[in-house]
């Protein structure tokens, strides 16, 4: 899955950008008080994308 597609999905589901690190971007789902990091690669493994969504308690992409 493309990283930009995953980020679009996160933002449509109500997650917000928290901060940018050297290797990861941190997104947070404030209503449920959960956060997850997204690697800064063009491609994100589908298994990892599902895990990020599960960590943030949102629907799968």
N, C-alpha and C. Protein backbone atom coordinates (compact mmCIF):
# COMPACT_ATOMS: atom_id res chain seq x y z
N UNK A 1 0.84 -1.17 0.00
CA UNK A 1 0.00 0.00 0.00
C UNK A 1 0.89 1.23 0.00
N UNK A 2 0.50 2.25 -0.75
CA UNK A 2 1.25 3.50 -0.78
C UNK A 2 1.06 4.25 0.54
N UNK A 3 2.13 4.88 1.00
CA UNK A 3 2.10 5.62 2.26
C UNK A 3 1.08 6.75 2.22
N UNK A 4 1.00 7.47 1.11
CA UNK A 4 0.06 8.59 1.01
C UNK A 4 -1.39 8.11 1.08
N UNK A 5 -1.66 6.93 0.53
CA UNK A 5 -3.01 6.36 0.61
C UNK A 5 -3.36 6.01 2.05
N UNK A 6 -2.40 5.46 2.78
CA UNK A 6 -2.63 5.13 4.18
C UNK A 6 -2.89 6.39 5.00
N UNK A 7 -2.11 7.43 4.76
CA UNK A 7 -2.29 8.69 5.50
C UNK A 7 -3.65 9.30 5.18
N UNK A 8 -4.08 9.26 3.93
CA UNK A 8 -5.41 9.76 3.57
C UNK A 8 -6.50 9.00 4.32
N UNK A 9 -6.35 7.69 4.40
CA UNK A 9 -7.32 6.86 5.12
C UNK A 9 -7.35 7.24 6.61
N UNK A 10 -6.19 7.42 7.20
CA UNK A 10 -6.12 7.79 8.62
C UNK A 10 -6.82 9.12 8.88
N UNK A 11 -6.57 10.09 8.02
CA UNK A 11 -7.17 11.41 8.22
C UNK A 11 -8.67 11.40 7.96
N UNK A 12 -9.15 10.59 7.02
CA UNK A 12 -10.59 10.47 6.80
C UNK A 12 -11.29 9.83 7.99
N UNK A 13 -10.57 8.98 8.72
CA UNK A 13 -11.15 8.30 9.88
C UNK A 13 -11.00 9.13 11.16
N UNK A 14 -10.49 10.34 11.07
CA UNK A 14 -10.43 11.22 12.22
C UNK A 14 -9.10 11.28 12.95
N UNK A 15 -8.08 10.60 12.43
CA UNK A 15 -6.76 10.65 13.08
C UNK A 15 -6.05 11.94 12.69
N UNK A 16 -5.18 12.40 13.58
CA UNK A 16 -4.47 13.66 13.37
C UNK A 16 -2.96 13.44 13.40
N UNK A 17 -2.26 14.25 12.62
CA UNK A 17 -0.80 14.26 12.63
C UNK A 17 -0.33 14.80 13.97
N UNK A 18 0.61 14.11 14.62
CA UNK A 18 1.14 14.58 15.89
C UNK A 18 2.52 15.18 15.72
N UNK A 19 3.45 14.38 15.16
CA UNK A 19 4.81 14.89 14.95
C UNK A 19 5.53 14.05 13.91
N UNK A 20 6.63 14.59 13.43
CA UNK A 20 7.45 13.93 12.42
C UNK A 20 8.79 13.59 13.06
N UNK A 21 9.22 12.34 12.91
CA UNK A 21 10.53 11.92 13.39
C UNK A 21 11.45 11.71 12.22
N UNK A 22 12.65 11.20 12.48
CA UNK A 22 13.60 10.93 11.40
C UNK A 22 13.11 9.80 10.50
N UNK A 23 12.60 8.74 11.11
CA UNK A 23 12.21 7.56 10.34
C UNK A 23 10.72 7.27 10.37
N UNK A 24 9.97 7.95 11.22
CA UNK A 24 8.54 7.66 11.37
C UNK A 24 7.73 8.94 11.50
N UNK A 25 6.45 8.84 11.17
CA UNK A 25 5.48 9.90 11.38
C UNK A 25 4.49 9.37 12.41
N UNK A 26 4.16 10.18 13.40
CA UNK A 26 3.26 9.75 14.46
C UNK A 26 1.88 10.34 14.22
N UNK A 27 0.87 9.45 14.20
CA UNK A 27 -0.53 9.86 14.08
C UNK A 27 -1.25 9.45 15.35
N UNK A 28 -2.25 10.23 15.74
CA UNK A 28 -2.98 9.99 16.97
C UNK A 28 -4.48 10.02 16.70
N UNK A 29 -5.21 9.15 17.40
CA UNK A 29 -6.67 9.15 17.36
C UNK A 29 -7.10 9.66 18.74
N UNK A 30 -7.38 10.94 18.83
CA UNK A 30 -7.64 11.58 20.12
C UNK A 30 -8.88 11.05 20.86
N UNK A 31 -10.00 10.78 20.18
CA UNK A 31 -11.18 10.29 20.93
C UNK A 31 -10.92 9.01 21.72
N UNK A 32 -10.10 8.12 21.19
CA UNK A 32 -9.82 6.86 21.90
C UNK A 32 -8.44 6.87 22.56
N UNK A 33 -7.72 7.98 22.43
CA UNK A 33 -6.41 8.17 23.06
C UNK A 33 -5.40 7.09 22.66
N UNK A 34 -5.28 6.87 21.35
CA UNK A 34 -4.35 5.88 20.80
C UNK A 34 -3.44 6.57 19.79
N UNK A 35 -2.20 6.07 19.68
CA UNK A 35 -1.27 6.62 18.70
C UNK A 35 -0.53 5.47 18.03
N UNK A 36 0.01 5.77 16.85
CA UNK A 36 0.77 4.78 16.11
C UNK A 36 1.77 5.50 15.20
N UNK A 37 2.84 4.81 14.86
CA UNK A 37 3.85 5.40 14.00
C UNK A 37 3.78 4.79 12.61
N UNK A 38 3.97 5.63 11.60
CA UNK A 38 3.95 5.20 10.20
C UNK A 38 5.36 5.39 9.65
N UNK A 39 5.97 4.33 9.10
CA UNK A 39 7.32 4.47 8.58
C UNK A 39 7.36 5.42 7.39
N UNK A 40 8.49 6.07 7.22
CA UNK A 40 8.63 7.03 6.13
C UNK A 40 9.23 6.37 4.90
N UNK A 41 8.51 5.40 4.36
CA UNK A 41 8.87 4.72 3.11
C UNK A 41 7.72 4.95 2.14
N UNK A 42 7.99 4.87 0.86
CA UNK A 42 6.92 5.04 -0.14
C UNK A 42 5.88 3.94 -0.02
N UNK A 43 6.32 2.72 0.23
CA UNK A 43 5.43 1.57 0.34
C UNK A 43 5.36 1.11 1.79
N UNK A 44 4.15 0.79 2.25
CA UNK A 44 3.94 0.23 3.57
C UNK A 44 3.33 -1.15 3.37
N UNK A 45 3.91 -2.14 4.01
CA UNK A 45 3.42 -3.51 3.92
C UNK A 45 1.95 -3.55 4.32
N UNK A 46 1.14 -4.34 3.62
CA UNK A 46 -0.30 -4.43 3.91
C UNK A 46 -0.56 -4.91 5.33
N UNK A 47 0.23 -5.87 5.80
CA UNK A 47 0.07 -6.35 7.17
C UNK A 47 0.32 -5.21 8.16
N UNK A 48 1.35 -4.40 7.92
CA UNK A 48 1.66 -3.28 8.80
C UNK A 48 0.56 -2.22 8.74
N UNK A 49 0.00 -1.97 7.57
CA UNK A 49 -1.09 -1.00 7.44
C UNK A 49 -2.30 -1.44 8.25
N UNK A 50 -2.62 -2.75 8.22
CA UNK A 50 -3.72 -3.26 9.03
C UNK A 50 -3.43 -3.13 10.52
N UNK A 51 -2.17 -3.34 10.91
CA UNK A 51 -1.79 -3.22 12.32
C UNK A 51 -1.88 -1.77 12.79
N UNK A 52 -1.48 -0.83 11.96
CA UNK A 52 -1.57 0.59 12.30
C UNK A 52 -3.03 0.97 12.52
N UNK A 53 -3.91 0.52 11.64
CA UNK A 53 -5.34 0.81 11.79
C UNK A 53 -5.90 0.16 13.05
N UNK A 54 -5.45 -1.04 13.36
CA UNK A 54 -5.91 -1.70 14.59
C UNK A 54 -5.41 -0.95 15.82
N UNK A 55 -4.16 -0.48 15.77
CA UNK A 55 -3.61 0.29 16.90
C UNK A 55 -4.41 1.56 17.15
N UNK A 56 -4.87 2.19 16.07
CA UNK A 56 -5.63 3.44 16.18
C UNK A 56 -7.14 3.19 16.34
N UNK A 57 -7.54 1.94 16.31
CA UNK A 57 -8.93 1.51 16.44
C UNK A 57 -9.84 2.15 15.39
N UNK A 58 -9.41 2.03 14.13
CA UNK A 58 -10.20 2.51 13.00
C UNK A 58 -10.40 1.35 12.03
N UNK A 59 -11.23 1.55 11.01
CA UNK A 59 -11.50 0.50 10.02
C UNK A 59 -10.26 0.23 9.17
N UNK A 60 -10.21 -0.98 8.62
CA UNK A 60 -9.09 -1.35 7.76
C UNK A 60 -9.19 -0.62 6.44
N UNK A 61 -8.04 -0.33 5.82
CA UNK A 61 -8.08 0.37 4.51
C UNK A 61 -8.54 -0.53 3.39
